[in-house]
Amino acid sequence: MGQRLTALFVWGAFLLYAPLPVSGRSKQIDGIDQLCRDIVAEFPDGPSLVFSGPNPWTEIDAPPPEMTEGAWAYVYAEGPGIRWVFLREVGPGVSWLEDTNYFYREDGTLAKRQRNLSAFKSNINLDVTGYYDPDGKLLKEITRHHALAGKRENTSTFADHEPPLFPSTSDVPFSDDPSLIRRLANVHSDGQSPAQVLIVFRAS
């Protein structure tokens, strides 16, 4: 249930930040936004599999109760084809937290990356949304920032923790693990039903 609530929170944030004024948006950008909405709408409740890794990736019964450092990711796939990745990274001592959504086309190319960084020391929330064409070219990037709390933003102490780009599904750090992808493809008997998987990255 907690995992599903997290996913719903992520989608709520997506709805809050993703829509842009209709005027001036290209049909290509509109098409990417619609693709993302379609992807989110097709996935079921709850993670079917939970993996921890890397070195090696190991299936576990449940995610850890909390993470004070490191990263974890929800992976949404149709058979072996990854369509959506939600990555959460936590800085040392929970000094910062960043959520990044990656949405992929059926051919595995990145369509949209949306990142939301909360830098607690600087009291800054940064939101960056990037749209990409099938060749990996950045079509448009929108950046917003605001104070996290009532205090002013402290830009002098702000450090941007840029997440990885993962321009295609073959670039995500678990996509080349044959056993994981094989399990992913067989979550359901027909091998094609949408599945939600939780990937927990152990701190190195």
N, C-alpha and C. Protein backbone atom coordinates (compact mmCIF):
# COMPACT_ATOMS: atom_id res chain seq x y z
N MET A 1 0.84 -1.20 0.00
CA MET A 1 0.00 0.00 0.00
C MET A 1 0.87 1.25 0.00
N GLY A 2 1.98 1.22 0.81
CA GLY A 2 2.87 2.38 0.85
C GLY A 2 3.49 2.67 -0.50
N GLN A 3 3.84 1.58 -1.23
CA GLN A 3 4.44 1.78 -2.55
C GLN A 3 3.45 2.43 -3.50
N ARG A 4 2.19 1.97 -3.42
CA ARG A 4 1.17 2.53 -4.30
C ARG A 4 0.92 3.99 -3.99
N LEU A 5 0.91 4.34 -2.68
CA LEU A 5 0.73 5.74 -2.30
C LEU A 5 1.86 6.59 -2.83
N THR A 6 3.09 6.04 -2.80
CA THR A 6 4.23 6.78 -3.36
C THR A 6 4.02 7.03 -4.83
N ALA A 7 3.59 5.99 -5.55
CA ALA A 7 3.36 6.13 -6.98
C ALA A 7 2.28 7.17 -7.26
N LEU A 8 1.22 7.16 -6.43
CA LEU A 8 0.15 8.15 -6.61
C LEU A 8 0.66 9.55 -6.33
N PHE A 9 1.54 9.68 -5.32
CA PHE A 9 2.14 10.98 -5.02
C PHE A 9 2.97 11.47 -6.20
N VAL A 10 3.72 10.55 -6.78
CA VAL A 10 4.55 10.90 -7.94
C VAL A 10 3.68 11.38 -9.08
N TRP A 11 2.60 10.66 -9.33
CA TRP A 11 1.70 11.04 -10.43
C TRP A 11 1.02 12.35 -10.12
N GLY A 12 0.68 12.59 -8.84
CA GLY A 12 0.09 13.88 -8.48
C GLY A 12 1.04 15.02 -8.76
N ALA A 13 2.32 14.80 -8.44
CA ALA A 13 3.33 15.81 -8.72
C ALA A 13 3.47 16.02 -10.22
N PHE A 14 3.37 14.92 -10.95
CA PHE A 14 3.46 14.99 -12.41
C PHE A 14 2.35 15.86 -12.98
N LEU A 15 1.12 15.66 -12.48
CA LEU A 15 0.00 16.47 -12.94
C LEU A 15 0.16 17.93 -12.56
N LEU A 16 0.77 18.17 -11.38
CA LEU A 16 0.93 19.54 -10.90
C LEU A 16 1.93 20.31 -11.74
N TYR A 17 3.06 19.65 -12.07
CA TYR A 17 4.14 20.37 -12.72
C TYR A 17 4.18 20.23 -14.24
N ALA A 18 3.68 19.12 -14.76
CA ALA A 18 3.88 18.84 -16.17
C ALA A 18 3.08 19.73 -17.12
N PRO A 19 1.80 20.01 -16.86
CA PRO A 19 1.04 20.77 -17.84
C PRO A 19 1.62 22.17 -18.05
N LEU A 20 1.69 22.56 -19.29
CA LEU A 20 2.22 23.87 -19.67
C LEU A 20 1.13 24.63 -20.41
N PRO A 21 1.25 25.94 -20.50
CA PRO A 21 0.26 26.70 -21.26
C PRO A 21 0.13 26.16 -22.67
N VAL A 22 -1.12 26.03 -23.13
CA VAL A 22 -1.36 25.44 -24.44
C VAL A 22 -0.74 26.28 -25.54
N SER A 23 -0.82 27.61 -25.42
CA SER A 23 -0.29 28.48 -26.45
C SER A 23 1.21 28.30 -26.57
N GLY A 24 1.69 28.14 -27.80
CA GLY A 24 3.12 28.03 -28.04
C GLY A 24 3.67 26.62 -27.93
N ARG A 25 2.88 25.66 -27.49
CA ARG A 25 3.38 24.29 -27.41
C ARG A 25 3.25 23.63 -28.77
N SER A 26 4.28 22.92 -29.16
CA SER A 26 4.23 22.22 -30.44
C SER A 26 3.40 20.95 -30.30
N LYS A 27 2.95 20.43 -31.43
CA LYS A 27 2.21 19.17 -31.43
C LYS A 27 3.09 18.05 -30.90
N GLN A 28 4.38 18.16 -31.13
CA GLN A 28 5.30 17.12 -30.66
C GLN A 28 5.34 17.08 -29.13
N ILE A 29 5.37 18.26 -28.51
CA ILE A 29 5.36 18.33 -27.05
C ILE A 29 4.03 17.81 -26.51
N ASP A 30 2.93 18.22 -27.15
CA ASP A 30 1.61 17.73 -26.73
C ASP A 30 1.54 16.22 -26.82
N GLY A 31 2.11 15.68 -27.90
CA GLY A 31 2.10 14.23 -28.08
C GLY A 31 2.89 13.52 -27.01
N ILE A 32 3.99 14.09 -26.58
CA ILE A 32 4.79 13.49 -25.51
C ILE A 32 4.03 13.52 -24.20
N ASP A 33 3.38 14.63 -23.89
CA ASP A 33 2.58 14.72 -22.67
C ASP A 33 1.48 13.66 -22.67
N GLN A 34 0.83 13.47 -23.82
CA GLN A 34 -0.23 12.46 -23.90
C GLN A 34 0.34 11.06 -23.74
N LEU A 35 1.51 10.81 -24.33
CA LEU A 35 2.17 9.52 -24.17
C LEU A 35 2.42 9.22 -22.69
N CYS A 36 2.90 10.21 -21.95
CA CYS A 36 3.17 10.02 -20.53
C CYS A 36 1.90 9.71 -19.76
N ARG A 37 0.83 10.41 -20.08
CA ARG A 37 -0.45 10.14 -19.39
C ARG A 37 -0.94 8.72 -19.70
N ASP A 38 -0.77 8.30 -20.95
CA ASP A 38 -1.20 6.95 -21.33
C ASP A 38 -0.38 5.88 -20.62
N ILE A 39 0.91 6.11 -20.49
CA ILE A 39 1.78 5.14 -19.82
C ILE A 39 1.38 4.98 -18.37
N VAL A 40 1.19 6.10 -17.68
CA VAL A 40 0.83 6.05 -16.26
C VAL A 40 -0.51 5.35 -16.05
N ALA A 41 -1.45 5.58 -16.96
CA ALA A 41 -2.80 5.04 -16.80
C ALA A 41 -2.87 3.52 -16.94
N GLU A 42 -1.89 2.91 -17.60
CA GLU A 42 -2.03 1.49 -17.91
C GLU A 42 -1.43 0.55 -16.87
N PHE A 43 -0.77 1.07 -15.85
CA PHE A 43 -0.08 0.17 -14.93
C PHE A 43 -0.91 -0.15 -13.69
N PRO A 44 -0.77 -1.40 -13.19
CA PRO A 44 -1.59 -1.88 -12.07
C PRO A 44 -1.06 -1.43 -10.72
N ASP A 45 -1.79 -1.80 -9.67
CA ASP A 45 -1.40 -1.47 -8.30
C ASP A 45 -0.26 -2.38 -7.83
N GLY A 46 0.60 -1.82 -6.97
CA GLY A 46 1.54 -2.63 -6.22
C GLY A 46 2.67 -3.22 -7.02
N PRO A 47 3.87 -3.28 -6.43
CA PRO A 47 5.01 -3.90 -7.13
C PRO A 47 4.85 -5.42 -7.18
N SER A 48 5.09 -6.00 -8.34
CA SER A 48 5.04 -7.44 -8.47
C SER A 48 6.35 -8.08 -8.03
N LEU A 49 7.44 -7.37 -8.22
CA LEU A 49 8.77 -7.86 -7.86
C LEU A 49 9.54 -6.76 -7.16
N VAL A 50 10.43 -7.13 -6.26
CA VAL A 50 11.32 -6.17 -5.61
C VAL A 50 12.75 -6.72 -5.74
N PHE A 51 13.67 -5.88 -6.24
CA PHE A 51 15.06 -6.28 -6.40
C PHE A 51 15.95 -5.29 -5.66
N SER A 52 17.06 -5.79 -5.14
CA SER A 52 18.07 -4.96 -4.50
C SER A 52 19.40 -5.20 -5.19
N GLY A 53 20.19 -4.14 -5.38
CA GLY A 53 21.46 -4.31 -6.08
C GLY A 53 22.21 -3.00 -6.15
N PRO A 54 23.20 -2.88 -6.98
CA PRO A 54 23.70 -3.92 -7.89
C PRO A 54 24.78 -4.78 -7.22
N ASN A 55 25.44 -5.59 -8.02
CA ASN A 55 26.59 -6.42 -7.61
C ASN A 55 26.30 -7.37 -6.46
N PRO A 56 25.40 -8.30 -6.59
CA PRO A 56 24.54 -8.52 -7.76
C PRO A 56 23.14 -7.99 -7.50
N TRP A 57 22.28 -8.04 -8.53
CA TRP A 57 20.86 -7.78 -8.33
C TRP A 57 20.24 -9.02 -7.70
N THR A 58 19.51 -8.82 -6.60
CA THR A 58 18.92 -9.94 -5.86
C THR A 58 17.46 -9.64 -5.58
N GLU A 59 16.61 -10.62 -5.81
CA GLU A 59 15.20 -10.42 -5.49
C GLU A 59 15.01 -10.50 -3.98
N ILE A 60 14.25 -9.55 -3.42
CA ILE A 60 13.97 -9.52 -1.98
C ILE A 60 12.47 -9.51 -1.77
N ASP A 61 12.05 -9.84 -0.55
CA ASP A 61 10.62 -9.94 -0.26
C ASP A 61 9.93 -8.59 -0.19
N ALA A 62 10.63 -7.58 0.34
CA ALA A 62 10.01 -6.27 0.53
C ALA A 62 11.09 -5.21 0.56
N PRO A 63 10.73 -3.98 0.24
CA PRO A 63 11.72 -2.89 0.31
C PRO A 63 12.05 -2.56 1.75
N PRO A 64 13.20 -1.91 2.00
CA PRO A 64 13.53 -1.49 3.36
C PRO A 64 12.49 -0.50 3.88
N PRO A 65 12.26 -0.44 5.20
CA PRO A 65 11.23 0.45 5.75
C PRO A 65 11.50 1.92 5.50
N GLU A 66 12.78 2.30 5.42
CA GLU A 66 13.13 3.68 5.13
C GLU A 66 14.52 3.73 4.53
N MET A 67 14.80 4.82 3.84
CA MET A 67 16.13 5.01 3.26
C MET A 67 16.65 6.37 3.69
N THR A 68 17.80 6.37 4.33
CA THR A 68 18.42 7.63 4.75
C THR A 68 19.52 8.05 3.79
N GLU A 69 19.88 7.16 2.87
CA GLU A 69 20.90 7.48 1.87
C GLU A 69 20.83 6.42 0.79
N GLY A 70 21.14 6.80 -0.45
CA GLY A 70 21.12 5.84 -1.54
C GLY A 70 20.05 6.17 -2.55
N ALA A 71 19.49 5.13 -3.19
CA ALA A 71 18.50 5.36 -4.23
C ALA A 71 17.62 4.14 -4.40
N TRP A 72 16.41 4.37 -4.88
CA TRP A 72 15.56 3.27 -5.30
C TRP A 72 14.74 3.73 -6.50
N ALA A 73 14.22 2.76 -7.24
CA ALA A 73 13.49 3.09 -8.46
C ALA A 73 12.29 2.17 -8.63
N TYR A 74 11.18 2.74 -9.06
CA TYR A 74 10.07 1.95 -9.56
C TYR A 74 10.26 1.80 -11.06
N VAL A 75 10.11 0.59 -11.55
CA VAL A 75 10.25 0.31 -12.97
C VAL A 75 8.93 -0.26 -13.47
N TYR A 76 8.39 0.35 -14.51
CA TYR A 76 7.11 -0.08 -15.07
C TYR A 76 7.39 -0.62 -16.47
N ALA A 77 6.97 -1.86 -16.72
CA ALA A 77 7.34 -2.51 -17.97
C ALA A 77 6.19 -3.30 -18.56
N GLU A 78 6.22 -3.45 -19.88
CA GLU A 78 5.33 -4.35 -20.60
C GLU A 78 6.19 -5.48 -21.11
N GLY A 79 6.04 -6.68 -20.50
CA GLY A 79 7.00 -7.74 -20.81
C GLY A 79 8.38 -7.23 -20.46
N PRO A 80 9.37 -7.45 -21.33
CA PRO A 80 10.72 -6.95 -21.04
C PRO A 80 10.92 -5.48 -21.42
N GLY A 81 9.88 -4.85 -21.97
CA GLY A 81 10.03 -3.47 -22.44
C GLY A 81 9.73 -2.46 -21.35
N ILE A 82 10.74 -1.70 -20.92
CA ILE A 82 10.57 -0.67 -19.89
C ILE A 82 9.92 0.56 -20.49
N ARG A 83 8.87 1.08 -19.83
CA ARG A 83 8.17 2.25 -20.33
C ARG A 83 8.30 3.46 -19.41
N TRP A 84 8.49 3.22 -18.10
CA TRP A 84 8.51 4.33 -17.14
C TRP A 84 9.43 3.93 -15.99
N VAL A 85 10.30 4.84 -15.60
CA VAL A 85 11.16 4.64 -14.43
C VAL A 85 10.99 5.85 -13.51
N PHE A 86 10.72 5.57 -12.25
CA PHE A 86 10.71 6.62 -11.23
C PHE A 86 11.90 6.36 -10.32
N LEU A 87 12.85 7.30 -10.28
CA LEU A 87 14.07 7.17 -9.49
C LEU A 87 14.05 8.16 -8.34
N ARG A 88 14.29 7.68 -7.12
CA ARG A 88 14.44 8.57 -5.96
C ARG A 88 15.86 8.43 -5.42
N GLU A 89 16.55 9.56 -5.29
CA GLU A 89 17.90 9.59 -4.73
C GLU A 89 17.88 10.43 -3.46
N VAL A 90 18.57 9.95 -2.43
CA VAL A 90 18.61 10.62 -1.13
C VAL A 90 20.06 10.95 -0.80
N GLY A 91 20.33 12.22 -0.47
CA GLY A 91 21.68 12.65 -0.13
C GLY A 91 22.07 12.25 1.27
N PRO A 92 23.35 12.33 1.60
CA PRO A 92 23.84 11.96 2.94
C PRO A 92 23.09 12.70 4.04
N GLY A 93 22.61 11.94 5.04
CA GLY A 93 21.87 12.56 6.13
C GLY A 93 20.57 13.19 5.70
N VAL A 94 20.03 12.75 4.57
CA VAL A 94 18.81 13.32 3.99
C VAL A 94 18.97 14.83 3.81
N SER A 95 20.16 15.24 3.36
CA SER A 95 20.42 16.66 3.12
C SER A 95 19.71 17.15 1.87
N TRP A 96 19.42 16.25 0.96
CA TRP A 96 18.65 16.57 -0.23
C TRP A 96 17.93 15.31 -0.71
N LEU A 97 16.88 15.51 -1.47
CA LEU A 97 16.10 14.42 -2.01
C LEU A 97 15.68 14.79 -3.42
N GLU A 98 15.86 13.86 -4.35
CA GLU A 98 15.49 14.15 -5.74
C GLU A 98 14.67 13.01 -6.33
N ASP A 99 13.54 13.36 -6.93
CA ASP A 99 12.68 12.41 -7.63
C ASP A 99 12.76 12.70 -9.13
N THR A 100 12.99 11.65 -9.91
CA THR A 100 13.09 11.82 -11.36
C THR A 100 12.23 10.78 -12.05
N ASN A 101 11.38 11.24 -12.96
CA ASN A 101 10.56 10.36 -13.79
C ASN A 101 11.13 10.31 -15.20
N TYR A 102 11.26 9.10 -15.74
CA TYR A 102 11.71 8.89 -17.11
C TYR A 102 10.58 8.15 -17.85
N PHE A 103 10.15 8.71 -18.97
CA PHE A 103 9.11 8.08 -19.78
C PHE A 103 9.70 7.69 -21.13
N TYR A 104 9.45 6.44 -21.55
CA TYR A 104 10.07 5.90 -22.75
C TYR A 104 9.04 5.50 -23.80
N ARG A 105 9.41 5.70 -25.06
CA ARG A 105 8.58 5.23 -26.16
C ARG A 105 8.70 3.71 -26.28
N GLU A 106 7.86 3.13 -27.12
CA GLU A 106 7.90 1.68 -27.30
C GLU A 106 9.24 1.21 -27.85
N ASP A 107 9.93 2.07 -28.60
CA ASP A 107 11.24 1.67 -29.15
C ASP A 107 12.38 1.85 -28.15
N GLY A 108 12.05 2.27 -26.90
CA GLY A 108 13.06 2.40 -25.86
C GLY A 108 13.73 3.75 -25.77
N THR A 109 13.35 4.71 -26.60
CA THR A 109 13.96 6.04 -26.54
C THR A 109 13.25 6.91 -25.51
N LEU A 110 14.03 7.79 -24.87
CA LEU A 110 13.49 8.67 -23.85
C LEU A 110 12.62 9.76 -24.48
N ALA A 111 11.40 9.90 -23.98
CA ALA A 111 10.49 10.94 -24.45
C ALA A 111 10.48 12.14 -23.52
N LYS A 112 10.54 11.88 -22.21
CA LYS A 112 10.44 12.97 -21.24
C LYS A 112 11.16 12.59 -19.95
N ARG A 113 11.89 13.54 -19.41
CA ARG A 113 12.49 13.37 -18.09
C ARG A 113 12.06 14.54 -17.22
N GLN A 114 11.52 14.22 -16.06
CA GLN A 114 11.06 15.25 -15.14
C GLN A 114 11.71 15.03 -13.79
N ARG A 115 12.44 16.02 -13.33
CA ARG A 115 13.15 15.91 -12.06
C ARG A 115 12.69 16.97 -11.08
N ASN A 116 12.61 16.58 -9.80
CA ASN A 116 12.21 17.50 -8.75
C ASN A 116 13.18 17.34 -7.59
N LEU A 117 13.96 18.37 -7.33
CA LEU A 117 15.01 18.34 -6.31
C LEU A 117 14.61 19.22 -5.13
N SER A 118 14.67 18.64 -3.93
CA SER A 118 14.47 19.39 -2.70
C SER A 118 15.82 19.50 -2.00
N ALA A 119 16.38 20.70 -1.99
CA ALA A 119 17.66 20.95 -1.32
C ALA A 119 17.35 21.63 0.01
N PHE A 120 17.42 20.86 1.10
CA PHE A 120 16.90 21.34 2.37
C PHE A 120 17.77 22.45 2.99
N LYS A 121 19.07 22.33 2.87
CA LYS A 121 19.95 23.35 3.43
C LYS A 121 19.74 24.70 2.75
N SER A 122 19.50 24.66 1.44
CA SER A 122 19.31 25.89 0.67
C SER A 122 17.86 26.35 0.67
N ASN A 123 16.96 25.50 1.18
CA ASN A 123 15.52 25.81 1.19
C ASN A 123 15.00 26.06 -0.23
N ILE A 124 15.46 25.22 -1.17
CA ILE A 124 15.09 25.39 -2.57
C ILE A 124 14.47 24.11 -3.11
N ASN A 125 13.38 24.27 -3.84
CA ASN A 125 12.80 23.18 -4.61
C ASN A 125 12.97 23.52 -6.09
N LEU A 126 13.63 22.62 -6.82
CA LEU A 126 13.92 22.84 -8.23
C LEU A 126 13.19 21.79 -9.05
N ASP A 127 12.47 22.25 -10.08
CA ASP A 127 11.75 21.34 -10.97
C ASP A 127 12.21 21.59 -12.40
N VAL A 128 12.68 20.53 -13.07
CA VAL A 128 13.17 20.65 -14.45
C VAL A 128 12.52 19.56 -15.28
N THR A 129 11.86 19.96 -16.37
CA THR A 129 11.21 19.02 -17.28
C THR A 129 11.85 19.14 -18.65
N GLY A 130 12.31 18.01 -19.19
CA GLY A 130 12.93 18.00 -20.51
C GLY A 130 12.17 17.08 -21.45
N TYR A 131 11.96 17.55 -22.68
CA TYR A 131 11.29 16.77 -23.73
C TYR A 131 12.33 16.40 -24.80
N TYR A 132 12.29 15.14 -25.26
CA TYR A 132 13.31 14.64 -26.18
C TYR A 132 12.67 14.01 -27.42
N ASP A 133 13.34 14.18 -28.58
CA ASP A 133 12.86 13.52 -29.78
C ASP A 133 13.45 12.11 -29.85
N PRO A 134 13.01 11.27 -30.79
CA PRO A 134 13.49 9.89 -30.83
C PRO A 134 15.00 9.75 -31.04
N ASP A 135 15.65 10.80 -31.53
CA ASP A 135 17.11 10.76 -31.72
C ASP A 135 17.87 11.24 -30.49
N GLY A 136 17.16 11.56 -29.41
CA GLY A 136 17.80 12.01 -28.19
C GLY A 136 18.04 13.50 -28.11
N LYS A 137 17.56 14.25 -29.09
CA LYS A 137 17.74 15.71 -29.08
C LYS A 137 16.76 16.33 -28.10
N LEU A 138 17.26 17.28 -27.29
CA LEU A 138 16.40 18.00 -26.35
C LEU A 138 15.53 18.99 -27.12
N LEU A 139 14.22 18.78 -27.07
CA LEU A 139 13.29 19.65 -27.78
C LEU A 139 12.96 20.90 -26.98
N LYS A 140 12.79 20.70 -25.68
CA LYS A 140 12.38 21.82 -24.83
C LYS A 140 12.71 21.48 -23.38
N GLU A 141 13.11 22.49 -22.62
CA GLU A 141 13.36 22.29 -21.20
C GLU A 141 12.72 23.43 -20.43
N ILE A 142 12.00 23.08 -19.39
CA ILE A 142 11.32 24.07 -18.54
C ILE A 142 11.86 23.94 -17.13
N THR A 143 12.29 25.05 -16.54
CA THR A 143 12.87 25.05 -15.19
C THR A 143 12.07 25.99 -14.30
N ARG A 144 11.73 25.49 -13.12
CA ARG A 144 11.05 26.31 -12.12
C ARG A 144 11.72 26.08 -10.77
N HIS A 145 11.68 27.07 -9.89
CA HIS A 145 12.18 26.87 -8.53
C HIS A 145 11.41 27.77 -7.57
N HIS A 146 11.34 27.33 -6.32
CA HIS A 146 10.66 28.12 -5.29
C HIS A 146 11.20 27.69 -3.94
N ALA A 147 10.86 28.46 -2.92
CA ALA A 147 11.30 28.13 -1.56
C ALA A 147 10.51 26.94 -1.04
N LEU A 148 11.20 26.07 -0.30
CA LEU A 148 10.54 24.91 0.29
C LEU A 148 9.62 25.30 1.43
N ALA A 149 10.07 26.24 2.23
CA ALA A 149 9.31 26.66 3.41
C ALA A 149 9.17 28.17 3.41
N GLY A 150 8.81 28.74 4.58
CA GLY A 150 8.56 30.17 4.66
C GLY A 150 9.79 31.04 4.48
N LYS A 151 10.98 30.45 4.71
CA LYS A 151 12.20 31.23 4.58
C LYS A 151 12.52 31.48 3.12
N ARG A 152 13.48 32.40 2.91
CA ARG A 152 13.92 32.68 1.55
C ARG A 152 14.82 31.57 1.02
N GLU A 153 14.89 31.47 -0.31
CA GLU A 153 15.83 30.56 -0.93
C GLU A 153 17.26 31.06 -0.69
N ASN A 154 18.16 30.15 -0.35
CA ASN A 154 19.56 30.50 -0.14
C ASN A 154 20.38 29.98 -1.31
N THR A 155 20.46 30.75 -2.36
CA THR A 155 21.15 30.29 -3.57
C THR A 155 22.66 30.14 -3.37
N SER A 156 23.22 30.80 -2.37
CA SER A 156 24.68 30.73 -2.16
C SER A 156 25.13 29.35 -1.71
N THR A 157 24.21 28.57 -1.11
CA THR A 157 24.57 27.23 -0.64
C THR A 157 23.97 26.14 -1.52
N PHE A 158 23.31 26.53 -2.60
CA PHE A 158 22.62 25.54 -3.44
C PHE A 158 23.60 24.80 -4.34
N ALA A 159 23.45 23.49 -4.39
CA ALA A 159 24.21 22.65 -5.31
C ALA A 159 23.23 21.75 -6.04
N ASP A 160 23.26 21.79 -7.37
CA ASP A 160 22.34 20.99 -8.16
C ASP A 160 22.86 19.56 -8.26
N HIS A 161 22.04 18.60 -7.85
CA HIS A 161 22.43 17.20 -7.91
C HIS A 161 21.80 16.59 -9.16
N GLU A 162 22.47 16.78 -10.29
CA GLU A 162 21.95 16.34 -11.58
C GLU A 162 21.84 14.82 -11.61
N PRO A 163 20.65 14.28 -11.87
CA PRO A 163 20.50 12.83 -11.94
C PRO A 163 21.00 12.30 -13.29
N PRO A 164 21.18 11.00 -13.42
CA PRO A 164 21.58 10.44 -14.71
C PRO A 164 20.50 10.67 -15.75
N LEU A 165 20.90 10.70 -17.02
CA LEU A 165 19.94 10.99 -18.09
C LEU A 165 19.21 9.74 -18.56
N PHE A 166 19.89 8.61 -18.73
CA PHE A 166 19.30 7.38 -19.28
C PHE A 166 18.55 7.68 -20.58
N PRO A 167 19.25 8.03 -21.67
CA PRO A 167 18.59 8.40 -22.92
C PRO A 167 17.82 7.27 -23.60
N SER A 168 18.08 6.03 -23.20
CA SER A 168 17.29 4.90 -23.71
C SER A 168 17.18 3.86 -22.61
N THR A 169 16.25 2.92 -22.77
CA THR A 169 16.07 1.90 -21.74
C THR A 169 17.30 1.01 -21.60
N SER A 170 18.12 0.95 -22.64
CA SER A 170 19.35 0.14 -22.55
C SER A 170 20.39 0.80 -21.66
N ASP A 171 20.17 2.07 -21.29
CA ASP A 171 21.12 2.80 -20.45
C ASP A 171 20.79 2.72 -18.96
N VAL A 172 19.60 2.25 -18.61
CA VAL A 172 19.28 2.15 -17.18
C VAL A 172 20.16 1.05 -16.58
N PRO A 173 20.59 1.19 -15.32
CA PRO A 173 21.67 0.34 -14.79
C PRO A 173 21.30 -1.11 -14.54
N PHE A 174 20.04 -1.47 -14.69
CA PHE A 174 19.65 -2.86 -14.47
C PHE A 174 19.16 -3.54 -15.74
N SER A 175 19.13 -2.80 -16.86
CA SER A 175 18.51 -3.34 -18.08
C SER A 175 19.36 -4.41 -18.75
N ASP A 176 20.66 -4.50 -18.40
CA ASP A 176 21.51 -5.49 -19.05
C ASP A 176 21.69 -6.74 -18.20
N ASP A 177 20.91 -6.85 -17.12
CA ASP A 177 20.99 -8.04 -16.28
C ASP A 177 20.00 -9.08 -16.82
N PRO A 178 20.51 -10.16 -17.43
CA PRO A 178 19.62 -11.13 -18.10
C PRO A 178 18.60 -11.75 -17.17
N SER A 179 19.00 -12.10 -15.94
CA SER A 179 18.07 -12.78 -15.04
C SER A 179 16.95 -11.85 -14.61
N LEU A 180 17.27 -10.57 -14.36
CA LEU A 180 16.25 -9.62 -13.94
C LEU A 180 15.25 -9.38 -15.07
N ILE A 181 15.75 -9.16 -16.27
CA ILE A 181 14.87 -8.90 -17.40
C ILE A 181 14.03 -10.14 -17.72
N ARG A 182 14.61 -11.32 -17.56
CA ARG A 182 13.85 -12.54 -17.80
C ARG A 182 12.69 -12.67 -16.81
N ARG A 183 12.96 -12.37 -15.53
CA ARG A 183 11.90 -12.38 -14.52
C ARG A 183 10.85 -11.32 -14.83
N LEU A 184 11.31 -10.16 -15.27
CA LEU A 184 10.41 -9.06 -15.60
C LEU A 184 9.46 -9.48 -16.72
N ALA A 185 9.98 -10.20 -17.69
CA ALA A 185 9.17 -10.62 -18.83
C ALA A 185 8.15 -11.68 -18.46
N ASN A 186 8.38 -12.35 -17.34
CA ASN A 186 7.50 -13.45 -16.95
C ASN A 186 6.69 -13.16 -15.69
N VAL A 187 6.54 -11.88 -15.36
CA VAL A 187 5.74 -11.51 -14.18
C VAL A 187 4.33 -12.07 -14.31
N HIS A 188 3.78 -12.00 -15.52
CA HIS A 188 2.46 -12.55 -15.79
C HIS A 188 2.60 -13.67 -16.81
N SER A 189 1.65 -14.56 -16.82
CA SER A 189 1.77 -15.76 -17.63
C SER A 189 1.90 -15.48 -19.12
N ASP A 190 1.30 -14.39 -19.57
CA ASP A 190 1.39 -14.10 -21.00
C ASP A 190 2.65 -13.32 -21.35
N GLY A 191 3.40 -12.89 -20.32
CA GLY A 191 4.66 -12.19 -20.58
C GLY A 191 4.49 -10.80 -21.13
N GLN A 192 3.27 -10.30 -21.25
CA GLN A 192 3.05 -9.00 -21.86
C GLN A 192 2.29 -8.04 -20.95
N SER A 193 1.63 -8.55 -19.92
CA SER A 193 0.84 -7.68 -19.06
C SER A 193 1.73 -6.66 -18.36
N PRO A 194 1.25 -5.44 -18.19
CA PRO A 194 2.05 -4.43 -17.51
C PRO A 194 2.42 -4.86 -16.10
N ALA A 195 3.62 -4.51 -15.67
CA ALA A 195 4.09 -4.86 -14.34
C ALA A 195 4.79 -3.69 -13.70
N GLN A 196 4.70 -3.61 -12.37
CA GLN A 196 5.41 -2.61 -11.60
C GLN A 196 6.47 -3.33 -10.76
N VAL A 197 7.69 -2.86 -10.83
CA VAL A 197 8.81 -3.49 -10.13
C VAL A 197 9.53 -2.42 -9.33
N LEU A 198 9.95 -2.77 -8.10
CA LEU A 198 10.73 -1.85 -7.26
C LEU A 198 12.18 -2.29 -7.27
N ILE A 199 13.07 -1.37 -7.62
CA ILE A 199 14.52 -1.63 -7.63
C ILE A 199 15.14 -0.81 -6.50
N VAL A 200 15.85 -1.45 -5.58
CA VAL A 200 16.49 -0.77 -4.45
C VAL A 200 17.99 -0.81 -4.67
N PHE A 201 18.60 0.35 -4.75
CA PHE A 201 20.05 0.44 -4.94
C PHE A 201 20.73 0.50 -3.58
N ARG A 202 21.58 -0.46 -3.31
CA ARG A 202 22.35 -0.43 -2.07
C ARG A 202 23.42 0.64 -2.17
N ALA A 203 23.63 1.35 -1.06
CA ALA A 203 24.66 2.39 -1.05
C ALA A 203 26.02 1.75 -1.25
N SER A 204 26.84 2.34 -2.12
CA SER A 204 28.16 1.78 -2.39
C SER A 204 29.16 2.16 -1.33
